Structure formats: C-alpha cells, structure tokens
Amino acid sequence: MGYHLDFSVLNTDSFRLLGDGMLISLEITFVGILAGIVLGAALALMRLSSIRAINLFARAYVTICRAIPLVMVLLWFFLIVPHVLQRLFNLSPETDLRMVSSLVAFSLFVAANYSEIIRAGISGVARGQLSAAQALGMNYTQAMLLIVLPQALRTMVPLLLFQGIILFQDTSLVYVSALSDFFGRAYGIGERDGRIVEMLLFAGVVYFVICFCASRVVKRLQKQVH
C-alpha cells in the first residue's frame, strides 16, 4: 500500500509548539540582522581603511567566513561558546547556552556578507562627498558615519533585507545545536507522531509563504528607492 498523507497531526498542541519554534527563528533572524549590520559596517570601514593591517584583518575575516559552511560555524560555536562563557562568568554546567551560541555564530557569520553589501554601497557614493566632509574638518570616521553612510543606505537597504530573508531560511540549521526552532519543532512533532512527511511539507509551505511575501515587499521597496 502507498503512503497516505494525514494532516490531522496539525492540531492545537502542534501549532502551539510550532509557534514557540517560530519565535526562536524570528529572534535569531532579527538579532542576526541587527548585529550583522553593525559588525558588517565596521568591517566595511576596515576594508576601506588605508591602514594595511586593519584592511588585511577585515579582508581575511570576510574571506574565511564566506569560505566556511554556516552549519560548520554553528557547530563550532555550539561546542566552544558555552565553555568559554561558563568559565568567564562561572556559570553552572547545567546552564543552557544553545541560544547564545547560535546568536553569536549567526551574527559573526552574516556580518561578513553584510560588510560586502555595505562596502559596495559606500563605494557607490561619489568620492567627492568624503573629500568635502574632510575639508569641513571632519575626520575619516565622522565623514563616513555622518555623510557617506546615510547616502549609501538608500541603495543598501533592499539588499540588506534580501540577505535577512536568506538568514531566516538559514535559521533551520540550528538543529546542529539541538535548538528547537520552527524547523526543529516541525521535525520533532513529525517524528513523535510518525508523520514526518506531513510536517516537513507543512514547514516548507510556511517558509515559502513567509519568504515569498517578504521578498515581494522588498522588491516593492527597491522600486521605490530607484
């Protein structure tokens, strides 16, 4: 006999668990976006710096992060971060630091991608803007933060948001740290009730709807910008 789909597994209890998992996925996404933009901006400025040591450090950081799979980074941080934090703050070995390790890993990883977007946006601003700001007495950092970055932000926002959508999709990889995000909860419910196929199909539909709607909003924003 063939396999018969049965979506009765999607009951009130399942939706409650899935909702809790979605909150974790969204928290990782939003924290990753905010931290990634801040760190990415710093890396972009370092990449554009005339100081060779700073430039090389930022270049090496971006190259390494973009060359290593995210799932491997998450696994490394899951194994390393909890031990470091427990030693620094004398935490109990029973303290659950899975969320912290995931947030740190995502933030540091996506910062490399955001830095390239921000660097390209900064490079798109006329060089004369920086020279004019420095002529008015601003130093390099002040000119970048007050004059160049606000102008570059207009073209960068859609790309940063698209990267945020990709980050939301990648949150499903936190299963390597045994963190129950939306995907992890869906798989766990399916495994518990013997309906993995149904739950994975449902999870796929939810991811598609959210990412499709978000991408449409970003595309509309992109048209308004241009």
C-alpha atoms as a PDB file:
ATOM      1  CA  MET A   1       0.000   0.000   0.000  1.00  0.00           C
ATOM      2  CA  GLY A   2       1.133   3.547  -0.768  1.00  0.00           C
ATOM      3  CA  TYR A   3       1.755   6.204   1.791  1.00  0.00           C
ATOM      4  CA  HIS A   4      -1.358   8.224   2.662  1.00  0.00           C
ATOM      5  CA  LEU A   5      -0.918  11.807   3.814  1.00  0.00           C
ATOM      6  CA  ASP A   6      -2.651  12.604   7.087  1.00  0.00           C
ATOM      7  CA  PHE A   7      -2.517  16.225   8.240  1.00  0.00           C
ATOM      8  CA  SER A   8      -4.521  15.582  11.390  1.00  0.00           C
ATOM      9  CA  VAL A   9      -1.157  15.881  13.153  1.00  0.00           C
ATOM     10  CA  LEU A  10      -1.630  19.644  12.769  1.00  0.00           C
ATOM     11  CA  ASN A  11      -3.678  20.138  15.891  1.00  0.00           C
ATOM     12  CA  THR A  12      -3.768  22.761  18.631  1.00  0.00           C
ATOM     13  CA  ASP A  13      -0.817  21.284  20.512  1.00  0.00           C
ATOM     14  CA  SER A  14       1.260  21.127  17.323  1.00  0.00           C
ATOM     15  CA  PHE A  15       0.522  24.746  16.426  1.00  0.00           C
ATOM     16  CA  ARG A  16       1.488  25.839  19.937  1.00  0.00           C
ATOM     17  CA  LEU A  17       4.847  24.090  19.664  1.00  0.00           C
ATOM     18  CA  LEU A  18       5.372  25.407  16.132  1.00  0.00           C
ATOM     19  CA  GLY A  19       4.575  28.931  17.316  1.00  0.00           C
ATOM     20  CA  ASP A  20       7.231  28.668  20.035  1.00  0.00           C
ATOM     21  CA  GLY A  21       9.709  27.454  17.427  1.00  0.00           C
ATOM     22  CA  MET A  22       8.848  30.304  15.058  1.00  0.00           C
ATOM     23  CA  LEU A  23       9.548  32.826  17.822  1.00  0.00           C
ATOM     24  CA  ILE A  24      13.040  31.354  18.187  1.00  0.00           C
ATOM     25  CA  SER A  25      13.608  31.508  14.410  1.00  0.00           C
ATOM     26  CA  LEU A  26      12.472  35.140  14.268  1.00  0.00           C
ATOM     27  CA  GLU A  27      14.571  36.108  17.293  1.00  0.00           C
ATOM     28  CA  ILE A  28      17.692  34.641  15.695  1.00  0.00           C
ATOM     29  CA  THR A  29      16.834  36.394  12.423  1.00  0.00           C
ATOM     30  CA  PHE A  30      16.287  39.864  13.895  1.00  0.00           C
ATOM     31  CA  VAL A  31      19.276  39.717  16.241  1.00  0.00           C
ATOM     32  CA  GLY A  32      21.423  38.395  13.420  1.00  0.00           C
ATOM     33  CA  ILE A  33      20.314  41.220  11.106  1.00  0.00           C
ATOM     34  CA  LEU A  34      20.922  43.986  13.650  1.00  0.00           C
ATOM     35  CA  ALA A  35      24.242  42.644  14.917  1.00  0.00           C
ATOM     36  CA  GLY A  36      25.308  41.706  11.400  1.00  0.00           C
ATOM     37  CA  ILE A  37      24.678  45.220  10.079  1.00  0.00           C
ATOM     38  CA  VAL A  38      26.609  46.847  12.931  1.00  0.00           C
ATOM     39  CA  LEU A  39      29.561  44.460  12.648  1.00  0.00           C
ATOM     40  CA  GLY A  40      29.315  44.488   8.851  1.00  0.00           C
ATOM     41  CA  ALA A  41      29.528  48.293   8.779  1.00  0.00           C
ATOM     42  CA  ALA A  42      32.635  48.139  10.976  1.00  0.00           C
ATOM     43  CA  LEU A  43      34.210  45.525   8.703  1.00  0.00           C
ATOM     44  CA  ALA A  44      33.324  47.550   5.602  1.00  0.00           C
ATOM     45  CA  LEU A  45      35.027  50.628   7.037  1.00  0.00           C
ATOM     46  CA  MET A  46      38.036  48.499   7.923  1.00  0.00           C
ATOM     47  CA  ARG A  47      38.151  47.130   4.361  1.00  0.00           C
ATOM     48  CA  LEU A  48      38.200  50.697   3.044  1.00  0.00           C
ATOM     49  CA  SER A  49      40.829  51.820   5.552  1.00  0.00           C
ATOM     50  CA  SER A  50      44.225  52.942   4.291  1.00  0.00           C
ATOM     51  CA  ILE A  51      45.892  51.241   7.272  1.00  0.00           C
ATOM     52  CA  ARG A  52      47.225  47.993   5.826  1.00  0.00           C
ATOM     53  CA  ALA A  53      46.975  45.859   8.993  1.00  0.00           C
ATOM     54  CA  ILE A  54      43.317  46.794   9.543  1.00  0.00           C
ATOM     55  CA  ASN A  55      42.493  46.269   5.876  1.00  0.00           C
ATOM     56  CA  LEU A  56      44.143  42.835   5.810  1.00  0.00           C
ATOM     57  CA  PHE A  57      42.371  41.730   9.007  1.00  0.00           C
ATOM     58  CA  ALA A  58      38.944  42.661   7.619  1.00  0.00           C
ATOM     59  CA  ARG A  59      39.735  41.069   4.251  1.00  0.00           C
ATOM     60  CA  ALA A  60      40.869  37.829   5.922  1.00  0.00           C
ATOM     61  CA  TYR A  61      37.783  37.760   8.188  1.00  0.00           C
ATOM     62  CA  VAL A  62      35.380  38.157   5.268  1.00  0.00           C
ATOM     63  CA  THR A  63      37.222  35.626   3.113  1.00  0.00           C
ATOM     64  CA  ILE A  64      37.298  32.966   5.826  1.00  0.00           C
ATOM     65  CA  CYS A  65      33.640  33.403   6.827  1.00  0.00           C
ATOM     66  CA  ARG A  66      32.444  33.255   3.228  1.00  0.00           C
ATOM     67  CA  ALA A  67      34.510  30.133   2.547  1.00  0.00           C
ATOM     68  CA  ILE A  68      33.228  28.061   5.504  1.00  0.00           C
ATOM     69  CA  PRO A  69      29.743  26.457   5.555  1.00  0.00           C
ATOM     70  CA  LEU A  70      27.392  28.069   8.075  1.00  0.00           C
ATOM     71  CA  VAL A  71      26.451  24.712   9.579  1.00  0.00           C
ATOM     72  CA  MET A  72      30.111  24.142  10.459  1.00  0.00           C
ATOM     73  CA  VAL A  73      30.369  27.562  12.101  1.00  0.00           C
ATOM     74  CA  LEU A  74      27.243  26.857  14.160  1.00  0.00           C
ATOM     75  CA  LEU A  75      28.665  23.543  15.304  1.00  0.00           C
ATOM     76  CA  TRP A  76      31.986  25.109  16.290  1.00  0.00           C
ATOM     77  CA  PHE A  77      30.304  27.837  18.301  1.00  0.00           C
ATOM     78  CA  PHE A  78      27.954  25.332  19.947  1.00  0.00           C
ATOM     79  CA  LEU A  79      30.984  23.398  21.141  1.00  0.00           C
ATOM     80  CA  ILE A  80      33.130  26.411  22.098  1.00  0.00           C
ATOM     81  CA  VAL A  81      30.976  29.355  23.250  1.00  0.00           C
ATOM     82  CA  PRO A  82      29.195  27.623  26.176  1.00  0.00           C
ATOM     83  CA  HIS A  83      32.516  26.517  27.691  1.00  0.00           C
ATOM     84  CA  VAL A  84      34.035  29.994  27.307  1.00  0.00           C
ATOM     85  CA  LEU A  85      31.019  31.726  28.879  1.00  0.00           C
ATOM     86  CA  GLN A  86      30.841  29.223  31.714  1.00  0.00           C
ATOM     87  CA  ARG A  87      34.479  29.886  32.580  1.00  0.00           C
ATOM     88  CA  LEU A  88      34.242  33.669  32.242  1.00  0.00           C
ATOM     89  CA  PHE A  89      31.066  34.071  34.296  1.00  0.00           C
ATOM     90  CA  ASN A  90      31.362  30.958  36.474  1.00  0.00           C
ATOM     91  CA  LEU A  91      28.029  29.618  35.189  1.00  0.00           C
ATOM     92  CA  SER A  92      26.600  26.295  36.175  1.00  0.00           C
ATOM     93  CA  PRO A  93      27.356  23.453  33.721  1.00  0.00           C
ATOM     94  CA  GLU A  94      23.579  22.911  33.502  1.00  0.00           C
ATOM     95  CA  THR A  95      23.020  26.428  32.082  1.00  0.00           C
ATOM     96  CA  ASP A  96      21.510  26.185  28.590  1.00  0.00           C
ATOM     97  CA  LEU A  97      23.577  28.406  26.302  1.00  0.00           C
ATOM     98  CA  ARG A  98      22.414  26.982  22.973  1.00  0.00           C
ATOM     99  CA  MET A  99      20.558  30.171  22.062  1.00  0.00           C
ATOM    100  CA  VAL A 100      23.527  32.368  22.935  1.00  0.00           C
ATOM    101  CA  SER A 101      25.945  30.279  20.877  1.00  0.00           C
ATOM    102  CA  SER A 102      23.547  30.350  17.898  1.00  0.00           C
ATOM    103  CA  LEU A 103      23.090  34.130  18.102  1.00  0.00           C
ATOM    104  CA  VAL A 104      26.847  34.715  18.298  1.00  0.00           C
ATOM    105  CA  ALA A 105      27.547  32.369  15.387  1.00  0.00           C
ATOM    106  CA  PHE A 106      24.874  33.880  13.137  1.00  0.00           C
ATOM    107  CA  SER A 107      25.854  37.458  13.981  1.00  0.00           C
ATOM    108  CA  LEU A 108      29.551  36.934  13.254  1.00  0.00           C
ATOM    109  CA  PHE A 109      28.871  34.887  10.128  1.00  0.00           C
ATOM    110  CA  VAL A 110      26.350  37.196   8.442  1.00  0.00           C
ATOM    111  CA  ALA A 111      28.495  40.230   9.277  1.00  0.00           C
ATOM    112  CA  ALA A 112      30.875  39.092   6.523  1.00  0.00           C
ATOM    113  CA  ASN A 113      28.091  39.153   3.920  1.00  0.00           C
ATOM    114  CA  TYR A 114      26.674  42.439   5.161  1.00  0.00           C
ATOM    115  CA  SER A 115      30.122  44.022   5.051  1.00  0.00           C
ATOM    116  CA  GLU A 116      30.375  43.360   1.311  1.00  0.00           C
ATOM    117  CA  ILE A 117      26.955  44.912   0.696  1.00  0.00           C
ATOM    118  CA  ILE A 118      27.814  47.949   2.798  1.00  0.00           C
ATOM    119  CA  ARG A 119      31.241  48.307   1.205  1.00  0.00           C
ATOM    120  CA  ALA A 120      29.672  48.269  -2.264  1.00  0.00           C
ATOM    121  CA  GLY A 121      27.132  50.880  -1.150  1.00  0.00           C
ATOM    122  CA  ILE A 122      29.857  53.129   0.235  1.00  0.00           C
ATOM    123  CA  SER A 123      31.906  52.741  -2.939  1.00  0.00           C
ATOM    124  CA  GLY A 124      28.869  53.883  -4.921  1.00  0.00           C
ATOM    125  CA  VAL A 125      28.877  57.279  -3.215  1.00  0.00           C
ATOM    126  CA  ALA A 126      30.854  59.927  -5.063  1.00  0.00           C
ATOM    127  CA  ARG A 127      34.380  60.252  -3.676  1.00  0.00           C
ATOM    128  CA  GLY A 128      33.951  63.997  -3.573  1.00  0.00           C
ATOM    129  CA  GLN A 129      31.468  63.646  -0.711  1.00  0.00           C
ATOM    130  CA  LEU A 130      34.187  62.251   1.557  1.00  0.00           C
ATOM    131  CA  SER A 131      36.683  64.894   0.453  1.00  0.00           C
ATOM    132  CA  ALA A 132      34.164  67.693   1.050  1.00  0.00           C
ATOM    133  CA  ALA A 133      33.372  66.384   4.546  1.00  0.00           C
ATOM    134  CA  GLN A 134      37.066  66.203   5.414  1.00  0.00           C
ATOM    135  CA  ALA A 135      37.558  69.710   4.053  1.00  0.00           C
ATOM    136  CA  LEU A 136      34.955  70.882   6.584  1.00  0.00           C
ATOM    137  CA  GLY A 137      37.092  69.493   9.412  1.00  0.00           C
ATOM    138  CA  MET A 138      35.610  66.021   9.854  1.00  0.00           C
ATOM    139  CA  ASN A 139      37.913  63.080  10.338  1.00  0.00           C
ATOM    140  CA  TYR A 140      37.547  59.871   8.304  1.00  0.00           C
ATOM    141  CA  THR A 141      35.212  58.130  10.755  1.00  0.00           C
ATOM    142  CA  GLN A 142      32.952  61.166  11.187  1.00  0.00           C
ATOM    143  CA  ALA A 143      32.721  61.693   7.433  1.00  0.00           C
ATOM    144  CA  MET A 144      31.791  58.061   6.874  1.00  0.00           C
ATOM    145  CA  LEU A 145      29.178  57.893   9.645  1.00  0.00           C
ATOM    146  CA  LEU A 146      27.564  61.308   9.087  1.00  0.00           C
ATOM    147  CA  ILE A 147      27.910  61.917   5.345  1.00  0.00           C
ATOM    148  CA  VAL A 148      28.722  58.803   3.308  1.00  0.00           C
ATOM    149  CA  LEU A 149      26.800  56.027   5.100  1.00  0.00           C
ATOM    150  CA  PRO A 150      23.429  57.875   5.158  1.00  0.00           C
ATOM    151  CA  GLN A 151      23.675  58.351   1.382  1.00  0.00           C
ATOM    152  CA  ALA A 152      24.759  54.748   0.780  1.00  0.00           C
ATOM    153  CA  LEU A 153      21.954  53.433   2.981  1.00  0.00           C
ATOM    154  CA  ARG A 154      19.355  54.269   0.346  1.00  0.00           C
ATOM    155  CA  THR A 155      20.723  51.710  -2.088  1.00  0.00           C
ATOM    156  CA  MET A 156      21.845  49.219   0.559  1.00  0.00           C
ATOM    157  CA  VAL A 157      18.534  48.678   2.395  1.00  0.00           C
ATOM    158  CA  PRO A 158      16.879  46.360  -0.179  1.00  0.00           C
ATOM    159  CA  LEU A 159      19.998  44.193  -0.423  1.00  0.00           C
ATOM    160  CA  LEU A 160      20.335  44.058   3.358  1.00  0.00           C
ATOM    161  CA  LEU A 161      16.703  42.967   3.653  1.00  0.00           C
ATOM    162  CA  PHE A 162      17.149  40.281   0.987  1.00  0.00           C
ATOM    163  CA  GLN A 163      20.095  38.985   2.994  1.00  0.00           C
ATOM    164  CA  GLY A 164      17.811  38.982   6.035  1.00  0.00           C
ATOM    165  CA  ILE A 165      15.381  36.688   4.193  1.00  0.00           C
ATOM    166  CA  ILE A 166      18.236  34.307   3.456  1.00  0.00           C
ATOM    167  CA  LEU A 167      19.208  34.468   7.125  1.00  0.00           C
ATOM    168  CA  PHE A 168      15.667  33.469   8.123  1.00  0.00           C
ATOM    169  CA  GLN A 169      15.922  30.426   5.865  1.00  0.00           C
ATOM    170  CA  ASP A 170      19.298  29.524   7.340  1.00  0.00           C
ATOM    171  CA  THR A 171      17.939  29.519  10.892  1.00  0.00           C
ATOM    172  CA  SER A 172      16.789  25.958  10.211  1.00  0.00           C
ATOM    173  CA  LEU A 173      20.459  24.946  10.526  1.00  0.00           C
ATOM    174  CA  VAL A 174      20.418  25.495  14.299  1.00  0.00           C
ATOM    175  CA  TYR A 175      19.350  21.866  14.611  1.00  0.00           C
ATOM    176  CA  VAL A 176      23.067  21.075  14.940  1.00  0.00           C
ATOM    177  CA  SER A 177      22.969  22.744  18.360  1.00  0.00           C
ATOM    178  CA  ALA A 178      19.782  20.872  19.334  1.00  0.00           C
ATOM    179  CA  LEU A 179      17.905  24.187  19.426  1.00  0.00           C
ATOM    180  CA  SER A 180      14.208  23.767  18.638  1.00  0.00           C
ATOM    181  CA  ASP A 181      13.454  26.471  16.090  1.00  0.00           C
ATOM    182  CA  PHE A 182      10.457  26.246  13.739  1.00  0.00           C
ATOM    183  CA  PHE A 183      12.025  23.569  11.561  1.00  0.00           C
ATOM    184  CA  GLY A 184      13.282  21.630  14.570  1.00  0.00           C
ATOM    185  CA  ARG A 185       9.849  21.682  16.184  1.00  0.00           C
ATOM    186  CA  ALA A 186       8.200  20.562  12.932  1.00  0.00           C
ATOM    187  CA  TYR A 187      10.599  17.650  12.580  1.00  0.00           C
ATOM    188  CA  GLY A 188      10.238  16.714  16.245  1.00  0.00           C
ATOM    189  CA  ILE A 189       6.430  16.658  16.032  1.00  0.00           C
ATOM    190  CA  GLY A 190       6.574  14.559  12.869  1.00  0.00           C
ATOM    191  CA  GLU A 191       8.977  12.113  14.457  1.00  0.00           C
ATOM    192  CA  ARG A 192       6.856  11.903  17.613  1.00  0.00           C
ATOM    193  CA  ASP A 193       3.607  11.237  15.752  1.00  0.00           C
ATOM    194  CA  GLY A 194       5.048   9.242  12.864  1.00  0.00           C
ATOM    195  CA  ARG A 195       4.128  11.963  10.356  1.00  0.00           C
ATOM    196  CA  ILE A 196       7.482  13.431   9.331  1.00  0.00           C
ATOM    197  CA  VAL A 197       6.466  13.822   5.678  1.00  0.00           C
ATOM    198  CA  GLU A 198       3.370  15.857   6.538  1.00  0.00           C
ATOM    199  CA  MET A 199       5.210  18.099   8.992  1.00  0.00           C
ATOM    200  CA  LEU A 200       8.107  18.760   6.621  1.00  0.00           C
ATOM    201  CA  LEU A 201       5.657  19.587   3.822  1.00  0.00           C
ATOM    202  CA  PHE A 202       3.845  21.999   6.131  1.00  0.00           C
ATOM    203  CA  ALA A 203       7.124  23.573   7.281  1.00  0.00           C
ATOM    204  CA  GLY A 204       8.191  24.002   3.661  1.00  0.00           C
ATOM    205  CA  VAL A 205       4.931  25.772   2.817  1.00  0.00           C
ATOM    206  CA  VAL A 206       5.294  28.115   5.794  1.00  0.00           C
ATOM    207  CA  TYR A 207       8.883  29.006   4.848  1.00  0.00           C
ATOM    208  CA  PHE A 208       7.820  29.594   1.240  1.00  0.00           C
ATOM    209  CA  VAL A 209       4.890  31.846   2.157  1.00  0.00           C
ATOM    210  CA  ILE A 210       6.919  33.953   4.598  1.00  0.00           C
ATOM    211  CA  CYS A 211       9.936  34.333   2.300  1.00  0.00           C
ATOM    212  CA  PHE A 212       7.808  34.958  -0.802  1.00  0.00           C
ATOM    213  CA  CYS A 213       5.764  37.670   0.909  1.00  0.00           C
ATOM    214  CA  ALA A 214       8.887  39.256   2.403  1.00  0.00           C
ATOM    215  CA  SER A 215      10.677  39.247  -0.967  1.00  0.00           C
ATOM    216  CA  ARG A 216       7.685  40.913  -2.639  1.00  0.00           C
ATOM    217  CA  VAL A 217       7.731  43.662  -0.016  1.00  0.00           C
ATOM    218  CA  VAL A 218      11.474  44.172  -0.505  1.00  0.00           C
ATOM    219  CA  LYS A 219      11.110  44.307  -4.302  1.00  0.00           C
ATOM    220  CA  ARG A 220       8.421  46.963  -3.965  1.00  0.00           C
ATOM    221  CA  LEU A 221      10.703  48.906  -1.639  1.00  0.00           C
ATOM    222  CA  GLN A 222      13.541  48.529  -4.133  1.00  0.00           C
ATOM    223  CA  LYS A 223      11.386  50.030  -6.904  1.00  0.00           C
ATOM    224  CA  GLN A 224      10.520  52.979  -4.695  1.00  0.00           C
ATOM    225  CA  VAL A 225      14.187  53.564  -3.910  1.00  0.00           C
ATOM    226  CA  HIS A 226      15.108  53.635  -7.589  1.00  0.00           C
END
